[in-house]
PDB file of N, CA and C in Angstrom:
ATOM      1  N   MET A   1      24.674  45.932 -23.459  1.00  0.00           N
ATOM      2  CA  MET A   1      25.645  45.137 -22.741  1.00  0.00           C
ATOM      3  C   MET A   1      25.548  45.444 -21.239  1.00  0.00           C
ATOM      4  N   LEU A   2      25.651  44.387 -20.435  1.00  0.00           N
ATOM      5  CA  LEU A   2      25.545  44.557 -18.986  1.00  0.00           C
ATOM      6  C   LEU A   2      26.893  44.925 -18.389  1.00  0.00           C
ATOM      7  N   THR A   3      26.855  45.819 -17.466  1.00  0.00           N
ATOM      8  CA  THR A   3      28.081  46.163 -16.747  1.00  0.00           C
ATOM      9  C   THR A   3      28.317  45.084 -15.708  1.00  0.00           C
ATOM     10  N   SER A   4      29.501  45.052 -15.172  1.00  0.00           N
ATOM     11  CA  SER A   4      29.829  44.040 -14.162  1.00  0.00           C
ATOM     12  C   SER A   4      28.959  44.225 -12.915  1.00  0.00           C
ATOM     13  N   GLU A   5      28.626  45.465 -12.601  1.00  0.00           N
ATOM     14  CA  GLU A   5      27.765  45.738 -11.447  1.00  0.00           C
ATOM     15  C   GLU A   5      26.353  45.194 -11.701  1.00  0.00           C
ATOM     16  N   ASN A   6      25.865  45.415 -12.927  1.00  0.00           N
ATOM     17  CA  ASN A   6      24.546  44.901 -13.285  1.00  0.00           C
ATOM     18  C   ASN A   6      24.533  43.377 -13.332  1.00  0.00           C
ATOM     19  N   LYS A   7      25.624  42.779 -13.828  1.00  0.00           N
ATOM     20  CA  LYS A   7      25.724  41.319 -13.859  1.00  0.00           C
ATOM     21  C   LYS A   7      25.692  40.759 -12.442  1.00  0.00           C
ATOM     22  N   ALA A   8      26.419  41.390 -11.547  1.00  0.00           N
ATOM     23  CA  ALA A   8      26.462  40.940 -10.161  1.00  0.00           C
ATOM     24  C   ALA A   8      25.079  41.060  -9.525  1.00  0.00           C
ATOM     25  N   LEU A   9      24.402  42.152  -9.804  1.00  0.00           N
ATOM     26  CA  LEU A   9      23.055  42.364  -9.273  1.00  0.00           C
ATOM     27  C   LEU A   9      22.084  41.328  -9.851  1.00  0.00           C
ATOM     28  N   LEU A  10      22.189  41.039 -11.130  1.00  0.00           N
ATOM     29  CA  LEU A  10      21.346  40.038 -11.775  1.00  0.00           C
ATOM     30  C   LEU A  10      21.605  38.663 -11.167  1.00  0.00           C
ATOM     31  N   GLU A  11      22.858  38.296 -10.979  1.00  0.00           N
ATOM     32  CA  GLU A  11      23.196  36.999 -10.380  1.00  0.00           C
ATOM     33  C   GLU A  11      22.661  36.901  -8.943  1.00  0.00           C
ATOM     34  N   LYS A  12      22.796  37.991  -8.210  1.00  0.00           N
ATOM     35  CA  LYS A  12      22.297  38.004  -6.837  1.00  0.00           C
ATOM     36  C   LYS A  12      20.782  37.827  -6.827  1.00  0.00           C
ATOM     37  N   THR A  13      20.092  38.536  -7.720  1.00  0.00           N
ATOM     38  CA  THR A  13      18.636  38.429  -7.815  1.00  0.00           C
ATOM     39  C   THR A  13      18.217  37.004  -8.187  1.00  0.00           C
ATOM     40  N   GLN A  14      18.900  36.412  -9.166  1.00  0.00           N
ATOM     41  CA  GLN A  14      18.588  35.044  -9.578  1.00  0.00           C
ATOM     42  C   GLN A  14      18.844  34.053  -8.440  1.00  0.00           C
ATOM     43  N   ARG A  15      19.912  34.255  -7.697  1.00  0.00           N
ATOM     44  CA  ARG A  15      20.239  33.386  -6.558  1.00  0.00           C
ATOM     45  C   ARG A  15      19.155  33.496  -5.489  1.00  0.00           C
ATOM     46  N   MET A  16      18.697  34.724  -5.224  1.00  0.00           N
ATOM     47  CA  MET A  16      17.647  34.936  -4.238  1.00  0.00           C
ATOM     48  C   MET A  16      16.339  34.287  -4.696  1.00  0.00           C
ATOM     49  N   GLU A  17      16.030  34.412  -5.983  1.00  0.00           N
ATOM     50  CA  GLU A  17      14.819  33.783  -6.511  1.00  0.00           C
ATOM     51  C   GLU A  17      14.905  32.264  -6.389  1.00  0.00           C
ATOM     52  N   THR A  18      16.062  31.710  -6.692  1.00  0.00           N
ATOM     53  CA  THR A  18      16.262  30.262  -6.578  1.00  0.00           C
ATOM     54  C   THR A  18      16.123  29.812  -5.131  1.00  0.00           C
ATOM     55  N   GLU A  19      16.722  30.560  -4.208  1.00  0.00           N
ATOM     56  CA  GLU A  19      16.602  30.225  -2.785  1.00  0.00           C
ATOM     57  C   GLU A  19      15.144  30.303  -2.346  1.00  0.00           C
ATOM     58  N   HIS A  20      14.437  31.295  -2.836  1.00  0.00           N
ATOM     59  CA  HIS A  20      13.026  31.452  -2.494  1.00  0.00           C
ATOM     60  C   HIS A  20      12.208  30.254  -2.996  1.00  0.00           C
ATOM     61  N   ILE A  21      12.490  29.811  -4.206  1.00  0.00           N
ATOM     62  CA  ILE A  21      11.797  28.649  -4.779  1.00  0.00           C
ATOM     63  C   ILE A  21      12.102  27.403  -3.957  1.00  0.00           C
ATOM     64  N   PHE A  22      13.373  27.200  -3.593  1.00  0.00           N
ATOM     65  CA  PHE A  22      13.735  26.040  -2.783  1.00  0.00           C
ATOM     66  C   PHE A  22      13.061  26.091  -1.414  1.00  0.00           C
ATOM     67  N   GLU A  23      12.952  27.275  -0.842  1.00  0.00           N
ATOM     68  CA  GLU A  23      12.274  27.419   0.451  1.00  0.00           C
ATOM     69  C   GLU A  23      10.792  27.053   0.319  1.00  0.00           C
ATOM     70  N   LYS A  24      10.165  27.464  -0.767  1.00  0.00           N
ATOM     71  CA  LYS A  24       8.758  27.106  -0.995  1.00  0.00           C
ATOM     72  C   LYS A  24       8.606  25.593  -1.135  1.00  0.00           C
ATOM     73  N   PHE A  25       9.509  24.948  -1.847  1.00  0.00           N
ATOM     74  CA  PHE A  25       9.464  23.496  -1.981  1.00  0.00           C
ATOM     75  C   PHE A  25       9.664  22.814  -0.630  1.00  0.00           C
ATOM     76  N   ARG A  26      10.557  23.346   0.176  1.00  0.00           N
ATOM     77  CA  ARG A  26      10.794  22.782   1.507  1.00  0.00           C
ATOM     78  C   ARG A  26       9.521  22.872   2.345  1.00  0.00           C
ATOM     79  N   LEU A  27       8.865  24.028   2.298  1.00  0.00           N
ATOM     80  CA  LEU A  27       7.613  24.203   3.044  1.00  0.00           C
ATOM     81  C   LEU A  27       6.519  23.277   2.518  1.00  0.00           C
ATOM     82  N   LEU A  28       6.461  23.120   1.212  1.00  0.00           N
ATOM     83  CA  LEU A  28       5.473  22.206   0.632  1.00  0.00           C
ATOM     84  C   LEU A  28       5.712  20.770   1.098  1.00  0.00           C
ATOM     85  N   ARG A  29       6.976  20.353   1.145  1.00  0.00           N
ATOM     86  CA  ARG A  29       7.295  19.003   1.630  1.00  0.00           C
ATOM     87  C   ARG A  29       6.880  18.844   3.083  1.00  0.00           C
ATOM     88  N   GLU A  30       7.155  19.870   3.903  1.00  0.00           N
ATOM     89  CA  GLU A  30       6.769  19.812   5.316  1.00  0.00           C
ATOM     90  C   GLU A  30       5.251  19.717   5.449  1.00  0.00           C
ATOM     91  N   HIS A  31       4.533  20.514   4.680  1.00  0.00           N
ATOM     92  CA  HIS A  31       3.069  20.491   4.751  1.00  0.00           C
ATOM     93  C   HIS A  31       2.527  19.145   4.271  1.00  0.00           C
ATOM     94  N   ALA A  32       3.136  18.601   3.234  1.00  0.00           N
ATOM     95  CA  ALA A  32       2.701  17.296   2.738  1.00  0.00           C
ATOM     96  C   ALA A  32       2.946  16.222   3.791  1.00  0.00           C
ATOM     97  N   ALA A  33       4.088  16.278   4.453  1.00  0.00           N
ATOM     98  CA  ALA A  33       4.387  15.301   5.506  1.00  0.00           C
ATOM     99  C   ALA A  33       3.394  15.441   6.653  1.00  0.00           C
ATOM    100  N   GLU A  34       3.055  16.662   7.016  1.00  0.00           N
ATOM    101  CA  GLU A  34       2.076  16.893   8.083  1.00  0.00           C
ATOM    102  C   GLU A  34       0.697  16.374   7.657  1.00  0.00           C
ATOM    103  N   ALA A  35       0.343  16.583   6.406  1.00  0.00           N
ATOM    104  CA  ALA A  35      -0.949  16.090   5.902  1.00  0.00           C
ATOM    105  C   ALA A  35      -1.003  14.561   5.964  1.00  0.00           C
ATOM    106  N   VAL A  36       0.103  13.910   5.670  1.00  0.00           N
ATOM    107  CA  VAL A  36       0.162  12.449   5.747  1.00  0.00           C
ATOM    108  C   VAL A  36      -0.014  12.002   7.196  1.00  0.00           C
ATOM    109  N   ARG A  37       0.637  12.687   8.136  1.00  0.00           N
ATOM    110  CA  ARG A  37       0.497  12.338   9.552  1.00  0.00           C
ATOM    111  C   ARG A  37      -0.940  12.547  10.028  1.00  0.00           C
ATOM    112  N   VAL A  38      -1.549  13.636   9.624  1.00  0.00           N
ATOM    113  CA  VAL A  38      -2.935  13.917  10.021  1.00  0.00           C
ATOM    114  C   VAL A  38      -3.864  12.852   9.434  1.00  0.00           C
ATOM    115  N   GLN A  39      -3.669  12.498   8.174  1.00  0.00           N
ATOM    116  CA  GLN A  39      -4.525  11.479   7.550  1.00  0.00           C
ATOM    117  C   GLN A  39      -4.354  10.139   8.247  1.00  0.00           C
ATOM    118  N   ALA A  40      -3.133   9.778   8.615  1.00  0.00           N
ATOM    119  CA  ALA A  40      -2.904   8.519   9.335  1.00  0.00           C
ATOM    120  C   ALA A  40      -3.625   8.544  10.680  1.00  0.00           C
ATOM    121  N   PHE A  41      -3.564   9.673  11.360  1.00  0.00           N
ATOM    122  CA  PHE A  41      -4.271   9.819  12.639  1.00  0.00           C
ATOM    123  C   PHE A  41      -5.774   9.650  12.444  1.00  0.00           C
ATOM    124  N   LEU A  42      -6.327  10.322  11.429  1.00  0.00           N
ATOM    125  CA  LEU A  42      -7.771  10.234  11.171  1.00  0.00           C
ATOM    126  C   LEU A  42      -8.184   8.812  10.785  1.00  0.00           C
ATOM    127  N   ASP A  43      -7.347   8.135  10.008  1.00  0.00           N
ATOM    128  CA  ASP A  43      -7.646   6.749   9.633  1.00  0.00           C
ATOM    129  C   ASP A  43      -7.667   5.849  10.869  1.00  0.00           C
ATOM    130  N   GLU A  44      -6.693   6.019  11.747  1.00  0.00           N
ATOM    131  CA  GLU A  44      -6.630   5.218  12.973  1.00  0.00           C
ATOM    132  C   GLU A  44      -7.820   5.536  13.877  1.00  0.00           C
ATOM    133  N   LYS A  45      -8.172   6.802  13.985  1.00  0.00           N
ATOM    134  CA  LYS A  45      -9.327   7.208  14.796  1.00  0.00           C
ATOM    135  C   LYS A  45     -10.597   6.558  14.253  1.00  0.00           C
ATOM    136  N   SER A  46     -10.764   6.587  12.951  1.00  0.00           N
ATOM    137  CA  SER A  46     -11.931   5.986  12.317  1.00  0.00           C
ATOM    138  C   SER A  46     -11.954   4.476  12.565  1.00  0.00           C
ATOM    139  N   ARG A  47     -10.799   3.828  12.449  1.00  0.00           N
ATOM    140  CA  ARG A  47     -10.711   2.389  12.688  1.00  0.00           C
ATOM    141  C   ARG A  47     -11.105   2.059  14.120  1.00  0.00           C
ATOM    142  N   LEU A  48     -10.593   2.833  15.070  1.00  0.00           N
ATOM    143  CA  LEU A  48     -10.909   2.595  16.477  1.00  0.00           C
ATOM    144  C   LEU A  48     -12.385   2.848  16.778  1.00  0.00           C
ATOM    145  N   GLU A  49     -12.954   3.880  16.184  1.00  0.00           N
ATOM    146  CA  GLU A  49     -14.381   4.150  16.375  1.00  0.00           C
ATOM    147  C   GLU A  49     -15.226   3.009  15.824  1.00  0.00           C
ATOM    148  N   HIS A  50     -14.840   2.485  14.663  1.00  0.00           N
ATOM    149  CA  HIS A  50     -15.561   1.363  14.072  1.00  0.00           C
ATOM    150  C   HIS A  50     -15.441   0.136  14.976  1.00  0.00           C
ATOM    151  N   GLU A  51     -14.256  -0.124  15.467  1.00  0.00           N
ATOM    152  CA  GLU A  51     -14.033  -1.258  16.367  1.00  0.00           C
ATOM    153  C   GLU A  51     -14.874  -1.106  17.637  1.00  0.00           C
ATOM    154  N   GLN A  52     -14.949   0.099  18.153  1.00  0.00           N
ATOM    155  CA  GLN A  52     -15.753   0.360  19.349  1.00  0.00           C
ATOM    156  C   GLN A  52     -17.238   0.082  19.069  1.00  0.00           C
ATOM    157  N   GLN A  53     -17.710   0.490  17.890  1.00  0.00           N
ATOM    158  CA  GLN A  53     -19.107   0.234  17.529  1.00  0.00           C
ATOM    159  C   GLN A  53     -19.383  -1.263  17.394  1.00  0.00           C
ATOM    160  N   VAL A  54     -18.463  -1.984  16.798  1.00  0.00           N
ATOM    161  CA  VAL A  54     -18.625  -3.424  16.633  1.00  0.00           C
ATOM    162  C   VAL A  54     -18.667  -4.101  18.003  1.00  0.00           C
ATOM    163  N   LEU A  55     -17.767  -3.697  18.897  1.00  0.00           N
ATOM    164  CA  LEU A  55     -17.756  -4.276  20.236  1.00  0.00           C
ATOM    165  C   LEU A  55     -19.035  -3.947  20.998  1.00  0.00           C
ATOM    166  N   ALA A  56     -19.532  -2.725  20.858  1.00  0.00           N
ATOM    167  CA  ALA A  56     -20.774  -2.340  21.527  1.00  0.00           C
ATOM    168  C   ALA A  56     -21.937  -3.182  20.998  1.00  0.00           C
ATOM    169  N   LEU A  57     -21.971  -3.411  19.702  1.00  0.00           N
ATOM    170  CA  LEU A  57     -23.025  -4.250  19.125  1.00  0.00           C
ATOM    171  C   LEU A  57     -22.906  -5.692  19.608  1.00  0.00           C
ATOM    172  N   ALA A  58     -21.689  -6.185  19.706  1.00  0.00           N
ATOM    173  CA  ALA A  58     -21.479  -7.551  20.194  1.00  0.00           C
ATOM    174  C   ALA A  58     -21.976  -7.681  21.627  1.00  0.00           C
ATOM    175  N   VAL A  59     -21.693  -6.708  22.461  1.00  0.00           N
ATOM    176  CA  VAL A  59     -22.168  -6.730  23.845  1.00  0.00           C
ATOM    177  C   VAL A  59     -23.691  -6.665  23.873  1.00  0.00           C
ATOM    178  N   LEU A  60     -24.268  -5.808  23.055  1.00  0.00           N
ATOM    179  CA  LEU A  60     -25.720  -5.685  22.998  1.00  0.00           C
ATOM    180  C   LEU A  60     -26.366  -6.994  22.557  1.00  0.00           C
ATOM    181  N   LEU A  61     -25.825  -7.621  21.531  1.00  0.00           N
ATOM    182  CA  LEU A  61     -26.360  -8.899  21.060  1.00  0.00           C
ATOM    183  C   LEU A  61     -26.223  -9.987  22.118  1.00  0.00           C
ATOM    184  N   GLN A  62     -25.082 -10.005  22.792  1.00  0.00           N
ATOM    185  CA  GLN A  62     -24.848 -10.993  23.844  1.00  0.00           C
ATOM    186  C   GLN A  62     -25.843 -10.794  24.984  1.00  0.00           C
ATOM    187  N   THR A  63     -26.104  -9.532  25.323  1.00  0.00           N
ATOM    188  CA  THR A  63     -27.052  -9.212  26.389  1.00  0.00           C
ATOM    189  C   THR A  63     -28.464  -9.634  25.989  1.00  0.00           C
ATOM    190  N   LYS A  64     -28.869  -9.346  24.773  1.00  0.00           N
ATOM    191  CA  LYS A  64     -30.195  -9.735  24.292  1.00  0.00           C
ATOM    192  C   LYS A  64     -30.329 -11.252  24.251  1.00  0.00           C
ATOM    193  N   LYS A  65     -29.277 -11.923  23.830  1.00  0.00           N
ATOM    194  CA  LYS A  65     -29.288 -13.377  23.757  1.00  0.00           C
ATOM    195  C   LYS A  65     -29.445 -13.960  25.157  1.00  0.00           C
ATOM    196  N   ALA A  66     -28.758 -13.392  26.122  1.00  0.00           N
ATOM    197  CA  ALA A  66     -28.826 -13.880  27.495  1.00  0.00           C
ATOM    198  C   ALA A  66     -30.193 -13.604  28.108  1.00  0.00           C
ATOM    199  N   ASP A  67     -30.866 -12.557  27.664  1.00  0.00           N
ATOM    200  CA  ASP A  67     -32.167 -12.178  28.213  1.00  0.00           C
ATOM    201  C   ASP A  67     -33.336 -12.946  27.604  1.00  0.00           C
ATOM    202  N   GLN A  68     -33.092 -13.733  26.563  1.00  0.00           N
ATOM    203  CA  GLN A  68     -34.182 -14.464  25.908  1.00  0.00           C
ATOM    204  C   GLN A  68     -34.719 -15.551  26.836  1.00  0.00           C
ATOM    205  N   PRO A  69     -36.044 -15.732  26.840  1.00  0.00           N
ATOM    206  CA  PRO A  69     -36.635 -16.796  27.672  1.00  0.00           C
ATOM    207  C   PRO A  69     -36.127 -18.166  27.227  1.00  0.00           C
ATOM    208  N   GLY A  70     -35.889 -19.020  28.179  1.00  0.00           N
ATOM    209  CA  GLY A  70     -35.431 -20.372  27.872  1.00  0.00           C
ATOM    210  C   GLY A  70     -33.939 -20.470  27.664  1.00  0.00           C
ATOM    211  N   ASN A  71     -33.233 -19.392  27.809  1.00  0.00           N
ATOM    212  CA  ASN A  71     -31.788 -19.409  27.654  1.00  0.00           C
ATOM    213  C   ASN A  71     -31.191 -20.091  28.873  1.00  0.00           C
ATOM    214  N   ALA A  72     -30.261 -20.999  28.647  1.00  0.00           N
ATOM    215  CA  ALA A  72     -29.662 -21.779  29.739  1.00  0.00           C
ATOM    216  C   ALA A  72     -28.974 -20.877  30.757  1.00  0.00           C
ATOM    217  N   SER A  73     -28.397 -19.789  30.315  1.00  0.00           N
ATOM    218  CA  SER A  73     -27.710 -18.899  31.247  1.00  0.00           C
ATOM    219  C   SER A  73     -28.694 -18.060  32.040  1.00  0.00           C
ATOM    220  N   ASN A  74     -29.956 -18.073  31.626  1.00  0.00           N
ATOM    221  CA  ASN A  74     -30.994 -17.279  32.276  1.00  0.00           C
ATOM    222  C   ASN A  74     -31.730 -18.079  33.344  1.00  0.00           C
ATOM    223  N   ARG A  75     -31.539 -19.397  33.339  1.00  0.00           N
ATOM    224  CA  ARG A  75     -32.236 -20.278  34.296  1.00  0.00           C
ATOM    225  C   ARG A  75     -31.519 -20.280  35.630  1.00  0.00           C
ATOM    226  N   GLU A  76     -32.313 -20.490  36.663  1.00  0.00           N
ATOM    227  CA  GLU A  76     -31.711 -20.573  38.009  1.00  0.00           C
ATOM    228  C   GLU A  76     -31.745 -21.977  38.521  1.00  0.00           C
TER     229      GLU A  76
END
């Protein structure tokens, strides 16, 4: 049989363990939220890099097209 002192100590220990578990869950939620923000940033960065490559190719193609012999924009 547990004494009242032991019961109080057991309850305190269980409360501390529960608080510790809740703190771990809170940290996990924060880390998950940060991971979502980082992934969104990386996705946007990738999208912008792809857009930049497409624009660079468009400029290159336009330049090559303008440089072709017989091109109306190339005549004086």
